Amino acid sequence: MKLIFSQLEIFTSADSQMNFTSRNHGLNLIYNYLDNNPKYVLQLDGHTDWIGTVEYNLALSERRAKQAYDYLKSKGISDERIVYQFYGEALPIAPNANQDGSNNPEGRQLNRRCEFDLKQEGTADIIVKF
């Protein structure tokens, strides 16, 4: 089960990390699910838009994913049940620019996200790339 939280829910701006103080409802739903389903593990994937250098965006996506990881650990979820990865700007889900090359703020906003993939222990996704 894959869940995606975009900037609309938990990021405050292009240069921000997560804002858990006022908008942690989504993470609390994930926490509740993990707490009630101990056979599930969580993979967190941090992402950014394309503004900034590749190095900066990679570090920002790591901070975003790690913040979600730390938040869930602080709520009592074992670190054996949570892993995180970060991709920077490498895997957009929306165009960062319009077809004419102009800025696409809505697309960039969607690319500033954290994806949460819940899996039952002992199972794995199979991804084939050509």
C-alpha atoms as a PDB file:
ATOM      1  CA  MET A   1       0.000   0.000   0.000  1.00  0.00           C
ATOM      2  CA  LYS A   2       1.713   3.206  -1.155  1.00  0.00           C
ATOM      3  CA  LEU A   3       0.701   6.603   0.213  1.00  0.00           C
ATOM      4  CA  ILE A   4       2.009   9.927  -1.074  1.00  0.00           C
ATOM      5  CA  PHE A   5       1.964  13.122   0.945  1.00  0.00           C
ATOM      6  CA  SER A   6       2.642  16.169  -1.176  1.00  0.00           C
ATOM      7  CA  GLN A   7       3.607  19.690  -0.253  1.00  0.00           C
ATOM      8  CA  LEU A   8      -0.109  20.423   0.072  1.00  0.00           C
ATOM      9  CA  GLU A   9      -0.192  18.385   3.255  1.00  0.00           C
ATOM     10  CA  ILE A  10       3.140  18.460   5.027  1.00  0.00           C
ATOM     11  CA  PHE A  11       5.698  20.697   3.345  1.00  0.00           C
ATOM     12  CA  THR A  12       5.542  24.418   3.767  1.00  0.00           C
ATOM     13  CA  SER A  13       7.756  25.611   0.887  1.00  0.00           C
ATOM     14  CA  ALA A  14      10.309  24.516  -1.672  1.00  0.00           C
ATOM     15  CA  ASP A  15      13.139  24.888   0.832  1.00  0.00           C
ATOM     16  CA  SER A  16      11.372  23.368   3.788  1.00  0.00           C
ATOM     17  CA  GLN A  17      11.428  20.159   5.630  1.00  0.00           C
ATOM     18  CA  MET A  18       8.273  18.718   7.114  1.00  0.00           C
ATOM     19  CA  ASN A  19       6.043  20.688   9.418  1.00  0.00           C
ATOM     20  CA  PHE A  20       4.760  18.170  11.937  1.00  0.00           C
ATOM     21  CA  THR A  21       3.566  20.624  14.552  1.00  0.00           C
ATOM     22  CA  SER A  22       0.421  21.674  12.745  1.00  0.00           C
ATOM     23  CA  ARG A  23      -0.103  19.082  10.013  1.00  0.00           C
ATOM     24  CA  ASN A  24       0.811  15.647  11.352  1.00  0.00           C
ATOM     25  CA  HIS A  25      -2.568  14.004  10.717  1.00  0.00           C
ATOM     26  CA  GLY A  26      -1.246  11.879   7.834  1.00  0.00           C
ATOM     27  CA  LEU A  27       1.744  10.641   9.789  1.00  0.00           C
ATOM     28  CA  ASN A  28      -0.445   9.858  12.759  1.00  0.00           C
ATOM     29  CA  LEU A  29      -2.657   7.724  10.506  1.00  0.00           C
ATOM     30  CA  ILE A  30       0.444   5.838   9.386  1.00  0.00           C
ATOM     31  CA  TYR A  31       1.599   5.520  12.991  1.00  0.00           C
ATOM     32  CA  ASN A  32      -1.799   4.143  14.038  1.00  0.00           C
ATOM     33  CA  TYR A  33      -1.751   1.631  11.197  1.00  0.00           C
ATOM     34  CA  LEU A  34       1.769   0.445  12.068  1.00  0.00           C
ATOM     35  CA  ASP A  35       0.925   0.327  15.760  1.00  0.00           C
ATOM     36  CA  ASN A  36      -2.164  -1.822  15.102  1.00  0.00           C
ATOM     37  CA  ASN A  37      -0.488  -4.011  12.461  1.00  0.00           C
ATOM     38  CA  PRO A  38       2.872  -5.148  13.857  1.00  0.00           C
ATOM     39  CA  LYS A  39       3.598  -7.371  10.846  1.00  0.00           C
ATOM     40  CA  TYR A  40       3.893  -4.358   8.575  1.00  0.00           C
ATOM     41  CA  VAL A  41       7.056  -2.412   7.787  1.00  0.00           C
ATOM     42  CA  LEU A  42       7.366   1.027   6.231  1.00  0.00           C
ATOM     43  CA  GLN A  43       9.624   2.391   3.539  1.00  0.00           C
ATOM     44  CA  LEU A  44       9.845   6.196   3.357  1.00  0.00           C
ATOM     45  CA  ASP A  45      11.023   7.889   0.154  1.00  0.00           C
ATOM     46  CA  GLY A  46      11.925  11.600   0.173  1.00  0.00           C
ATOM     47  CA  HIS A  47      11.689  13.737  -2.985  1.00  0.00           C
ATOM     48  CA  THR A  48      12.101  17.368  -4.084  1.00  0.00           C
ATOM     49  CA  ASP A  49      11.358  19.566  -7.069  1.00  0.00           C
ATOM     50  CA  TRP A  50      14.170  20.674  -9.393  1.00  0.00           C
ATOM     51  CA  ILE A  51      14.949  24.082  -7.882  1.00  0.00           C
ATOM     52  CA  GLY A  52      18.483  24.078  -6.463  1.00  0.00           C
ATOM     53  CA  THR A  53      21.518  21.956  -7.184  1.00  0.00           C
ATOM     54  CA  VAL A  54      21.367  18.190  -7.459  1.00  0.00           C
ATOM     55  CA  GLU A  55      23.444  17.922  -4.276  1.00  0.00           C
ATOM     56  CA  TYR A  56      21.215  20.340  -2.354  1.00  0.00           C
ATOM     57  CA  ASN A  57      18.036  18.543  -3.437  1.00  0.00           C
ATOM     58  CA  LEU A  58      19.447  15.168  -2.512  1.00  0.00           C
ATOM     59  CA  ALA A  59      20.299  16.440   0.978  1.00  0.00           C
ATOM     60  CA  LEU A  60      16.871  18.094   1.340  1.00  0.00           C
ATOM     61  CA  SER A  61      15.047  14.921   0.330  1.00  0.00           C
ATOM     62  CA  GLU A  62      17.120  13.008   2.874  1.00  0.00           C
ATOM     63  CA  ARG A  63      16.178  15.467   5.627  1.00  0.00           C
ATOM     64  CA  ARG A  64      12.491  15.172   4.716  1.00  0.00           C
ATOM     65  CA  ALA A  65      12.510  11.370   4.800  1.00  0.00           C
ATOM     66  CA  LYS A  66      14.570  11.281   7.988  1.00  0.00           C
ATOM     67  CA  GLN A  67      12.198  13.680   9.719  1.00  0.00           C
ATOM     68  CA  ALA A  68       9.275  11.341   9.028  1.00  0.00           C
ATOM     69  CA  TYR A  69      11.420   8.406  10.190  1.00  0.00           C
ATOM     70  CA  ASP A  70      12.397  10.215  13.408  1.00  0.00           C
ATOM     71  CA  TYR A  71       8.796  11.276  14.051  1.00  0.00           C
ATOM     72  CA  LEU A  72       7.493   7.711  13.797  1.00  0.00           C
ATOM     73  CA  LYS A  73      10.350   6.417  15.953  1.00  0.00           C
ATOM     74  CA  SER A  74       9.531   9.060  18.589  1.00  0.00           C
ATOM     75  CA  LYS A  75       5.970   7.714  18.650  1.00  0.00           C
ATOM     76  CA  GLY A  76       7.300   4.229  19.456  1.00  0.00           C
ATOM     77  CA  ILE A  77       7.667   2.466  16.107  1.00  0.00           C
ATOM     78  CA  SER A  78      10.824   0.333  16.121  1.00  0.00           C
ATOM     79  CA  ASP A  79      13.560   1.367  13.726  1.00  0.00           C
ATOM     80  CA  GLU A  80      13.583  -2.258  12.556  1.00  0.00           C
ATOM     81  CA  ARG A  81      10.201  -1.561  10.963  1.00  0.00           C
ATOM     82  CA  ILE A  82      11.101   1.690   9.189  1.00  0.00           C
ATOM     83  CA  VAL A  83      13.624   2.393   6.442  1.00  0.00           C
ATOM     84  CA  TYR A  84      14.097   5.535   4.407  1.00  0.00           C
ATOM     85  CA  GLN A  85      15.578   6.468   1.057  1.00  0.00           C
ATOM     86  CA  PHE A  86      15.959   9.785  -0.710  1.00  0.00           C
ATOM     87  CA  TYR A  87      16.014  10.687  -4.365  1.00  0.00           C
ATOM     88  CA  GLY A  88      16.249  14.472  -4.618  1.00  0.00           C
ATOM     89  CA  GLU A  89      14.736  15.644  -7.888  1.00  0.00           C
ATOM     90  CA  ALA A  90      15.339  12.349  -9.761  1.00  0.00           C
ATOM     91  CA  LEU A  91      11.786  10.917  -9.674  1.00  0.00           C
ATOM     92  CA  PRO A  92       9.206  13.644 -10.323  1.00  0.00           C
ATOM     93  CA  ILE A  93       5.520  12.743 -10.396  1.00  0.00           C
ATOM     94  CA  ALA A  94       4.542  15.983 -12.146  1.00  0.00           C
ATOM     95  CA  PRO A  95       6.251  18.339 -14.612  1.00  0.00           C
ATOM     96  CA  ASN A  96       8.479  20.951 -12.969  1.00  0.00           C
ATOM     97  CA  ALA A  97       8.047  23.151 -16.060  1.00  0.00           C
ATOM     98  CA  ASN A  98       5.232  23.834 -18.484  1.00  0.00           C
ATOM     99  CA  GLN A  99       5.532  22.798 -22.141  1.00  0.00           C
ATOM    100  CA  ASP A 100       6.693  26.307 -23.056  1.00  0.00           C
ATOM    101  CA  GLY A 101       9.548  26.040 -20.534  1.00  0.00           C
ATOM    102  CA  SER A 102       7.977  28.343 -17.969  1.00  0.00           C
ATOM    103  CA  ASN A 103       7.824  27.473 -14.292  1.00  0.00           C
ATOM    104  CA  ASN A 104       5.082  25.068 -13.184  1.00  0.00           C
ATOM    105  CA  PRO A 105       4.511  25.825  -9.472  1.00  0.00           C
ATOM    106  CA  GLU A 106       1.721  23.249  -9.145  1.00  0.00           C
ATOM    107  CA  GLY A 107       3.893  20.476 -10.565  1.00  0.00           C
ATOM    108  CA  ARG A 108       6.869  21.487  -8.441  1.00  0.00           C
ATOM    109  CA  GLN A 109       4.634  21.481  -5.364  1.00  0.00           C
ATOM    110  CA  LEU A 110       3.585  17.886  -6.060  1.00  0.00           C
ATOM    111  CA  ASN A 111       7.213  16.835  -6.471  1.00  0.00           C
ATOM    112  CA  ARG A 112       8.066  18.055  -2.957  1.00  0.00           C
ATOM    113  CA  ARG A 113       6.792  14.955  -1.214  1.00  0.00           C
ATOM    114  CA  CYS A 114       7.407  11.934   0.927  1.00  0.00           C
ATOM    115  CA  GLU A 115       6.091   8.561  -0.186  1.00  0.00           C
ATOM    116  CA  PHE A 116       5.147   5.946   2.396  1.00  0.00           C
ATOM    117  CA  ASP A 117       5.096   2.318   1.270  1.00  0.00           C
ATOM    118  CA  LEU A 118       3.583  -0.126   3.795  1.00  0.00           C
ATOM    119  CA  LYS A 119       4.482  -3.779   3.276  1.00  0.00           C
ATOM    120  CA  GLN A 120       3.890  -6.938   5.197  1.00  0.00           C
ATOM    121  CA  GLU A 121       7.126  -8.320   6.623  1.00  0.00           C
ATOM    122  CA  GLY A 122       8.659 -10.936   4.375  1.00  0.00           C
ATOM    123  CA  THR A 123       7.157  -9.515   1.189  1.00  0.00           C
ATOM    124  CA  ALA A 124       8.863  -7.383  -1.410  1.00  0.00           C
ATOM    125  CA  ASP A 125       7.954  -5.349  -4.449  1.00  0.00           C
ATOM    126  CA  ILE A 126       9.334  -6.649  -7.701  1.00  0.00           C
ATOM    127  CA  ILE A 127      10.388  -3.857 -10.028  1.00  0.00           C
ATOM    128  CA  VAL A 128      11.635  -4.587 -13.508  1.00  0.00           C
ATOM    129  CA  LYS A 129      13.323  -1.802 -15.465  1.00  0.00           C
ATOM    130  CA  PHE A 130      14.531  -2.046 -19.068  1.00  0.00           C
END
